[in-house]
Amino acid sequence: WRRRSRRRTWRARSSPTSTPTARSPTRAPSPPIKRLRAFHIIESTVRHGVVPPQDITREAWVLTDEAKGYAAGGSREVHLVAAIPPEGASRAALKEEFGDVVFDIARKAAAKNKWIRFERGIVLRTVEDTTDEMQELLKRVENGEVVPDLIKELKRRKLVTKEKVIWYSLKKGPEFVVKRKTLATDVTREHLKSGDWKDLEFKDYNYEAQGQPIAIGYSQPLLEVREAIQNIFLEMGFSEMPTNMFVESSFWNFDALFQPQQHPARDSHDTFFLKAPATTTQLPDDYLEKVKQVHQSGGYGSKGYGYDWKRDEAEKNLLRTHTTAVSARMLYKLAQEEHFAPNS
């Protein structure tokens, strides 16, 4: 087999021995083996000792797409000469027919071969018939013939490129078989029961093989949006309030937010109250009295609720029902500072 390094084309080489003697390889039988499949077959047989490989690297000149067109239909200079009538043609007319770039290339090549001459803006033919030596040369290169003395001209016109070709010379190895045996990969329960495991041939363990991909989670879209908004406020100088205290008193959870003590949300079927510790005594007395006053008789523009506010109800501990309780605590804490200013 051979593989071209740039185009990576595979071809079967017909040879009775392991020595690559055919310079013009024949194509693989139809349907051809795909390149990747052929490479995997060679790699597998080498790994199991079926065939020992021998890599033979060569360099070869191949035609460009432009050159393939010349090899099939003739060179530009021959087409140019064929388009010139016996009385000649103007440069403008030929440029219009071939285009500026093609005309310039064909003109130079035809003039070098002394097929045309120029007279007062008219292009005249100097020969009746032309032999397309360029087409013949390109066909020789396409057929694998080496023409070192003419390659320089083809390179100058960018009609050929050099490619690296790798040949794989294969021959029978020490473990060669016509049909390979399927090797076992695991010992099953059936093997142990029947005793077949004693005669099994196991596949070698590949320590370089990658393991199974680990199933990992992904960020929830709403959490990603929350994080983006959070970063915006942090970059503006805001700081987060501590929300890790999940047990809260009824005072901060309800009373400080001026929710009356007889509100249905404070019933046991809507809120989880703690048995131990059932109450707290760590409440600011001065602020507690102000909150009590607003609940009972109002203040700061409020009429209040007009009921007998009980401290025992405010001291009950519960599982915090909302984070606004944290805001109430933080606002009270900030109010105790002598000077408060946002972080810069």
Protein backbone atom coordinates (compact mmCIF):
# COMPACT_ATOMS: atom_id res chain seq x y z
CA TRP A 1 0.00 0.00 0.00
CA ARG A 2 1.08 3.56 -0.41
CA ARG A 3 -0.17 6.78 1.12
CA ARG A 4 0.45 10.29 -0.13
CA SER A 5 1.18 12.61 2.75
CA ARG A 6 -0.69 15.60 1.37
CA ARG A 7 -3.66 14.07 -0.39
CA ARG A 8 -3.46 10.90 1.70
CA THR A 9 -4.52 8.64 -1.16
CA TRP A 10 -4.14 4.88 -0.79
CA ARG A 11 -3.42 2.50 -3.62
CA ALA A 12 -2.80 -1.23 -3.78
CA ARG A 13 0.57 -2.26 -5.20
CA SER A 14 0.59 -5.44 -7.26
CA SER A 15 3.78 -7.35 -6.55
CA PRO A 16 4.43 -11.07 -5.97
CA THR A 17 7.14 -10.36 -3.37
CA SER A 18 7.69 -7.92 -0.57
CA THR A 19 10.01 -5.76 -2.69
CA PRO A 20 8.24 -2.75 -4.29
CA THR A 21 9.14 -3.08 -7.95
CA ALA A 22 6.13 -1.57 -9.72
CA ARG A 23 6.69 2.13 -10.29
CA SER A 24 3.16 2.70 -11.67
CA PRO A 25 0.83 1.19 -9.02
CA THR A 26 -2.55 -0.19 -10.01
CA ARG A 27 -5.69 0.86 -8.19
CA ALA A 28 -7.27 -1.38 -5.58
CA PRO A 29 -10.07 -3.68 -6.74
CA SER A 30 -13.55 -2.20 -6.74
CA PRO A 31 -14.95 -1.35 -4.29
CA PRO A 32 -11.70 0.18 -2.94
CA ILE A 33 -10.82 0.03 0.75
CA LYS A 34 -11.18 3.41 2.40
CA ARG A 35 -7.95 5.11 3.46
CA LEU A 36 -8.61 5.09 7.19
CA ARG A 37 -9.93 1.54 7.12
CA ALA A 38 -6.83 0.34 5.26
CA PHE A 39 -4.54 2.05 7.75
CA HIS A 40 -6.38 0.44 10.69
CA ILE A 41 -6.11 -2.99 9.06
CA ILE A 42 -2.34 -2.62 8.63
CA GLU A 43 -1.93 -1.31 12.17
CA SER A 44 -3.97 -4.19 13.60
CA THR A 45 -2.12 -6.91 11.69
CA VAL A 46 1.25 -5.43 12.67
CA ARG A 47 0.27 -5.26 16.34
CA HIS A 48 -0.65 -8.96 16.36
CA GLY A 49 2.45 -10.09 14.48
CA VAL A 50 0.53 -11.19 11.40
CA VAL A 51 2.66 -9.06 9.06
CA PRO A 52 5.84 -7.10 9.82
CA PRO A 53 5.77 -3.74 7.99
CA GLN A 54 8.50 -1.90 6.18
CA ASP A 55 7.98 1.77 5.43
CA ILE A 56 9.50 3.06 2.19
CA THR A 57 9.40 6.82 1.78
CA ARG A 58 9.73 8.43 -1.65
CA GLU A 59 9.15 11.83 -3.18
CA ALA A 60 7.23 12.29 -6.41
CA TRP A 61 6.15 15.16 -8.63
CA VAL A 62 2.39 15.47 -9.21
CA LEU A 63 0.39 17.77 -11.45
CA THR A 64 -1.55 20.71 -10.13
CA ASP A 65 -5.20 21.15 -11.06
CA GLU A 66 -4.19 23.66 -13.73
CA ALA A 67 -1.65 21.22 -15.22
CA LYS A 68 -4.22 18.42 -15.29
CA GLY A 69 -6.37 20.64 -17.49
CA TYR A 70 -3.44 21.18 -19.87
CA ALA A 71 -2.71 17.46 -19.98
CA ALA A 72 -6.30 16.73 -20.93
CA GLY A 73 -7.04 19.60 -23.32
CA GLY A 74 -3.74 21.13 -24.38
CA SER A 75 -1.57 24.00 -23.20
CA ARG A 76 -2.55 27.66 -23.33
CA GLU A 77 0.12 28.61 -25.87
CA VAL A 78 -1.17 26.05 -28.38
CA HIS A 79 -4.72 27.33 -27.94
CA LEU A 80 -3.48 30.88 -28.48
CA VAL A 81 -1.69 30.03 -31.74
CA ALA A 82 -4.73 28.12 -32.99
CA ALA A 83 -6.91 31.19 -32.39
CA ILE A 84 -4.74 33.49 -34.56
CA PRO A 85 -5.99 33.67 -38.18
CA PRO A 86 -3.50 33.80 -41.13
CA GLU A 87 -3.77 37.59 -41.35
CA GLY A 88 -3.06 37.95 -37.62
CA ALA A 89 -5.08 39.29 -34.68
CA SER A 90 -4.84 42.34 -32.48
CA ARG A 91 -3.70 42.11 -28.88
CA ALA A 92 -6.99 43.60 -27.76
CA ALA A 93 -9.02 40.94 -29.55
CA LEU A 94 -6.95 38.08 -28.09
CA LYS A 95 -7.08 39.57 -24.59
CA GLU A 96 -10.84 39.78 -24.87
CA GLU A 97 -11.02 36.13 -25.92
CA PHE A 98 -8.55 34.64 -23.39
CA GLY A 99 -8.44 37.20 -20.62
CA ASP A 100 -5.47 39.34 -19.59
CA VAL A 101 -3.77 36.77 -17.35
CA VAL A 102 -4.15 33.77 -19.66
CA PHE A 103 -3.14 35.81 -22.71
CA ASP A 104 0.01 37.07 -20.99
CA ILE A 105 1.12 33.55 -19.98
CA ALA A 106 0.32 32.03 -23.39
CA ARG A 107 1.97 34.94 -25.27
CA LYS A 108 5.26 34.54 -23.42
CA ALA A 109 5.33 30.75 -23.91
CA ALA A 110 4.42 30.99 -27.62
CA ALA A 111 7.01 33.70 -28.23
CA LYS A 112 9.67 31.62 -26.48
CA ASN A 113 8.87 28.74 -28.85
CA LYS A 114 9.01 31.20 -31.80
CA TRP A 115 5.46 30.39 -32.83
CA ILE A 116 4.33 34.06 -32.99
CA ARG A 117 5.74 37.50 -33.67
CA PHE A 118 4.46 41.03 -33.09
CA GLU A 119 4.10 43.75 -35.68
CA ARG A 120 2.52 47.13 -34.84
CA GLY A 121 0.10 45.71 -32.24
CA ILE A 122 -0.79 42.72 -34.40
CA VAL A 123 0.06 39.17 -33.32
CA LEU A 124 1.11 37.01 -36.30
CA ARG A 125 1.71 33.27 -36.56
CA THR A 126 5.16 32.16 -37.67
CA VAL A 127 4.31 28.45 -37.97
CA GLU A 128 1.50 26.55 -39.62
CA ASP A 129 1.35 23.64 -37.19
CA THR A 130 2.42 23.32 -33.56
CA THR A 131 3.40 20.33 -31.48
CA ASP A 132 2.14 20.58 -27.92
CA GLU A 133 5.31 19.48 -26.16
CA MET A 134 3.99 20.82 -22.87
CA GLN A 135 0.95 18.55 -23.01
CA GLU A 136 3.14 15.55 -23.79
CA LEU A 137 5.49 16.43 -20.93
CA LEU A 138 2.64 16.76 -18.46
CA LYS A 139 1.26 13.38 -19.52
CA ARG A 140 4.67 11.80 -18.88
CA VAL A 141 4.78 13.28 -15.37
CA GLU A 142 1.19 12.19 -14.74
CA ASN A 143 2.14 8.62 -15.67
CA GLY A 144 4.93 8.62 -13.10
CA GLU A 145 7.86 9.18 -15.46
CA VAL A 146 10.83 11.08 -14.02
CA VAL A 147 11.94 14.07 -16.13
CA PRO A 148 14.51 15.89 -13.96
CA ASP A 149 15.84 18.09 -16.79
CA LEU A 150 12.39 19.58 -17.45
CA ILE A 151 11.00 19.81 -13.92
CA LYS A 152 12.51 23.28 -13.40
CA GLU A 153 10.35 24.77 -16.15
CA LEU A 154 7.23 23.08 -14.78
CA LYS A 155 8.00 24.37 -11.30
CA ARG A 156 8.49 27.89 -12.64
CA ARG A 157 5.03 27.79 -14.19
CA LYS A 158 3.63 26.24 -11.00
CA LEU A 159 2.38 23.17 -12.86
CA VAL A 160 3.84 20.54 -10.50
CA THR A 161 4.24 20.08 -6.77
CA LYS A 162 6.38 17.63 -4.84
CA GLU A 163 4.60 15.10 -2.66
CA LYS A 164 5.91 12.66 -0.11
CA VAL A 165 4.76 9.10 -0.79
CA ILE A 166 4.93 6.36 1.85
CA TRP A 167 4.87 2.73 0.72
CA TYR A 168 4.04 -0.12 3.07
CA SER A 169 5.81 -3.30 2.08
CA LEU A 170 4.05 -6.23 3.76
CA LYS A 171 5.06 -9.88 4.08
CA LYS A 172 4.07 -12.86 6.19
CA GLY A 173 4.97 -12.58 9.85
CA PRO A 174 5.54 -15.18 12.59
CA GLU A 175 1.83 -15.16 13.55
CA PHE A 176 0.49 -15.11 9.99
CA VAL A 177 -2.91 -16.75 9.50
CA VAL A 178 -5.44 -16.55 6.69
CA LYS A 179 -8.28 -15.97 9.14
CA ARG A 180 -7.56 -14.35 12.46
CA LYS A 181 -9.07 -15.76 15.64
CA THR A 182 -11.23 -13.45 17.73
CA LEU A 183 -9.45 -12.91 21.04
CA ALA A 184 -11.39 -12.77 24.29
CA THR A 185 -11.48 -9.54 26.25
CA ASP A 186 -13.28 -10.65 29.43
CA VAL A 187 -13.92 -13.79 31.43
CA THR A 188 -17.66 -14.31 31.63
CA ARG A 189 -19.78 -16.39 33.99
CA GLU A 190 -20.39 -18.89 31.19
CA HIS A 191 -16.63 -19.33 30.68
CA LEU A 192 -16.17 -20.15 34.37
CA LYS A 193 -19.07 -22.59 34.44
CA SER A 194 -18.01 -24.49 31.31
CA GLY A 195 -14.25 -24.30 31.94
CA ASP A 196 -13.63 -22.71 28.52
CA TRP A 197 -11.52 -19.99 30.12
CA LYS A 198 -8.59 -22.43 30.28
CA ASP A 199 -8.32 -22.55 26.47
CA LEU A 200 -9.13 -18.90 25.74
CA GLU A 201 -6.62 -16.57 24.10
CA PHE A 202 -6.96 -13.10 25.55
CA LYS A 203 -6.38 -9.80 23.85
CA ASP A 204 -3.39 -7.85 25.15
CA TYR A 205 -4.31 -5.08 27.52
CA ASN A 206 -3.78 -1.66 25.96
CA TYR A 207 -2.48 0.60 28.71
CA GLU A 208 -2.43 3.58 26.36
CA ALA A 209 -6.13 3.38 25.48
CA GLN A 210 -8.33 6.15 26.79
CA GLY A 211 -10.96 5.27 29.35
CA GLN A 212 -14.68 5.79 29.12
CA PRO A 213 -15.64 9.46 29.13
CA ILE A 214 -16.73 10.65 32.54
CA ALA A 215 -20.35 11.75 32.74
CA ILE A 216 -20.21 15.26 34.15
CA GLY A 217 -22.87 17.82 34.83
CA TYR A 218 -23.31 21.19 33.22
CA SER A 219 -24.22 24.59 34.54
CA GLN A 220 -27.94 25.27 34.76
CA PRO A 221 -28.84 28.20 32.47
CA LEU A 222 -30.59 30.17 35.20
CA LEU A 223 -27.57 29.74 37.50
CA GLU A 224 -25.31 31.07 34.75
CA VAL A 225 -27.53 34.15 34.39
CA ARG A 226 -27.55 34.63 38.16
CA GLU A 227 -23.78 34.42 38.30
CA ALA A 228 -23.44 36.97 35.48
CA ILE A 229 -25.72 39.44 37.29
CA GLN A 230 -23.91 38.76 40.56
CA ASN A 231 -20.53 39.57 38.98
CA ILE A 232 -21.90 42.85 37.60
CA PHE A 233 -22.84 44.07 41.08
CA LEU A 234 -19.59 42.84 42.63
CA GLU A 235 -17.57 44.73 40.00
CA MET A 236 -19.60 47.87 40.82
CA GLY A 237 -18.45 47.67 44.45
CA PHE A 238 -21.39 45.89 46.08
CA SER A 239 -20.75 43.11 48.60
CA GLU A 240 -22.95 40.11 49.30
CA MET A 241 -24.92 39.77 52.50
CA PRO A 242 -24.32 36.62 54.58
CA THR A 243 -27.15 34.18 53.88
CA ASN A 244 -25.69 31.10 55.56
CA MET A 245 -27.73 31.43 58.78
CA PHE A 246 -30.75 29.31 58.01
CA VAL A 247 -32.23 29.39 61.54
CA GLU A 248 -33.79 32.76 62.25
CA SER A 249 -35.93 34.34 64.95
CA SER A 250 -39.52 35.33 64.29
CA PHE A 251 -38.53 38.90 65.11
CA TRP A 252 -36.20 39.32 62.12
CA ASN A 253 -38.21 36.98 59.86
CA PHE A 254 -41.61 38.63 60.50
CA ASP A 255 -41.81 41.41 63.12
CA ALA A 256 -38.95 43.57 61.83
CA LEU A 257 -40.66 43.43 58.43
CA PHE A 258 -43.91 44.56 60.10
CA GLN A 259 -45.86 41.40 59.48
CA PRO A 260 -48.52 41.14 62.22
CA GLN A 261 -48.23 38.28 64.69
CA GLN A 262 -51.67 36.95 63.76
CA HIS A 263 -50.81 36.74 60.05
CA PRO A 264 -51.67 33.30 58.50
CA ALA A 265 -48.12 32.89 57.15
CA ARG A 266 -46.93 32.61 60.76
CA ASP A 267 -49.07 29.55 61.44
CA SER A 268 -47.33 26.22 62.12
CA HIS A 269 -48.58 24.69 58.84
CA ASP A 270 -46.85 27.41 56.79
CA THR A 271 -43.64 27.86 58.81
CA PHE A 272 -41.27 25.31 60.39
CA PHE A 273 -40.66 26.24 64.04
CA LEU A 274 -37.78 24.72 66.03
CA LYS A 275 -38.22 22.66 69.18
CA ALA A 276 -34.63 23.08 70.42
CA PRO A 277 -33.65 25.81 70.79
CA ALA A 278 -37.24 26.99 70.62
CA THR A 279 -36.51 30.65 71.37
CA THR A 280 -33.75 33.25 71.31
CA THR A 281 -32.83 36.04 73.67
CA GLN A 282 -30.34 37.76 71.37
CA LEU A 283 -32.54 40.60 70.20
CA PRO A 284 -31.65 44.32 70.32
CA ASP A 285 -33.94 45.71 73.02
CA ASP A 286 -33.92 49.29 71.75
CA TYR A 287 -34.91 48.31 68.21
CA LEU A 288 -37.36 45.71 69.51
CA GLU A 289 -39.25 48.43 71.43
CA LYS A 290 -39.48 50.60 68.32
CA VAL A 291 -40.85 47.70 66.26
CA LYS A 292 -43.33 46.88 69.05
CA GLN A 293 -44.55 50.49 69.13
CA VAL A 294 -45.17 50.58 65.36
CA HIS A 295 -47.04 47.26 65.48
CA GLN A 296 -49.33 48.38 68.34
CA SER A 297 -49.98 52.06 67.67
CA GLY A 298 -48.13 52.95 64.48
CA GLY A 299 -45.53 55.58 63.68
CA TYR A 300 -43.55 57.06 60.80
CA GLY A 301 -46.83 57.68 58.97
CA SER A 302 -48.35 54.28 59.84
CA LYS A 303 -51.48 53.67 61.98
CA GLY A 304 -50.18 50.29 63.16
CA TYR A 305 -52.25 47.17 63.65
CA GLY A 306 -53.80 48.05 67.02
CA TYR A 307 -53.15 44.79 68.85
CA ASP A 308 -51.21 43.63 71.89
CA TRP A 309 -47.76 42.73 70.48
CA LYS A 310 -46.05 39.84 72.37
CA ARG A 311 -42.31 39.46 72.81
CA ASP A 312 -42.66 35.70 73.34
CA GLU A 313 -43.99 35.33 69.80
CA ALA A 314 -41.10 37.35 68.38
CA GLU A 315 -38.48 35.21 70.18
CA LYS A 316 -39.57 31.92 68.53
CA ASN A 317 -36.93 30.30 66.34
CA LEU A 318 -37.79 29.00 62.87
CA LEU A 319 -36.28 27.94 59.58
CA ARG A 320 -35.83 31.18 57.67
CA THR A 321 -38.65 31.51 55.14
CA HIS A 322 -37.06 34.21 52.95
CA THR A 323 -33.80 36.13 52.59
CA THR A 324 -35.49 39.48 53.27
CA ALA A 325 -34.91 38.64 56.91
CA VAL A 326 -31.18 38.94 56.15
CA SER A 327 -31.81 42.38 54.64
CA ALA A 328 -33.59 43.49 57.81
CA ARG A 329 -30.64 42.38 59.97
CA MET A 330 -28.11 44.06 57.62
CA LEU A 331 -30.00 47.37 57.54
CA TYR A 332 -30.08 47.46 61.33
CA LYS A 333 -26.34 46.65 61.48
CA LEU A 334 -25.47 49.39 58.98
CA ALA A 335 -27.60 51.89 60.95
CA GLN A 336 -25.37 51.33 63.99
CA GLU A 337 -22.29 52.55 62.14
CA GLU A 338 -21.24 56.14 62.70
CA HIS A 339 -20.43 56.78 59.06
CA PHE A 340 -21.70 54.57 56.27
CA ALA A 341 -20.64 54.80 52.62
CA PRO A 342 -20.82 52.26 49.80
CA ASN A 343 -17.61 50.44 48.83
CA SER A 344 -15.73 52.22 46.03
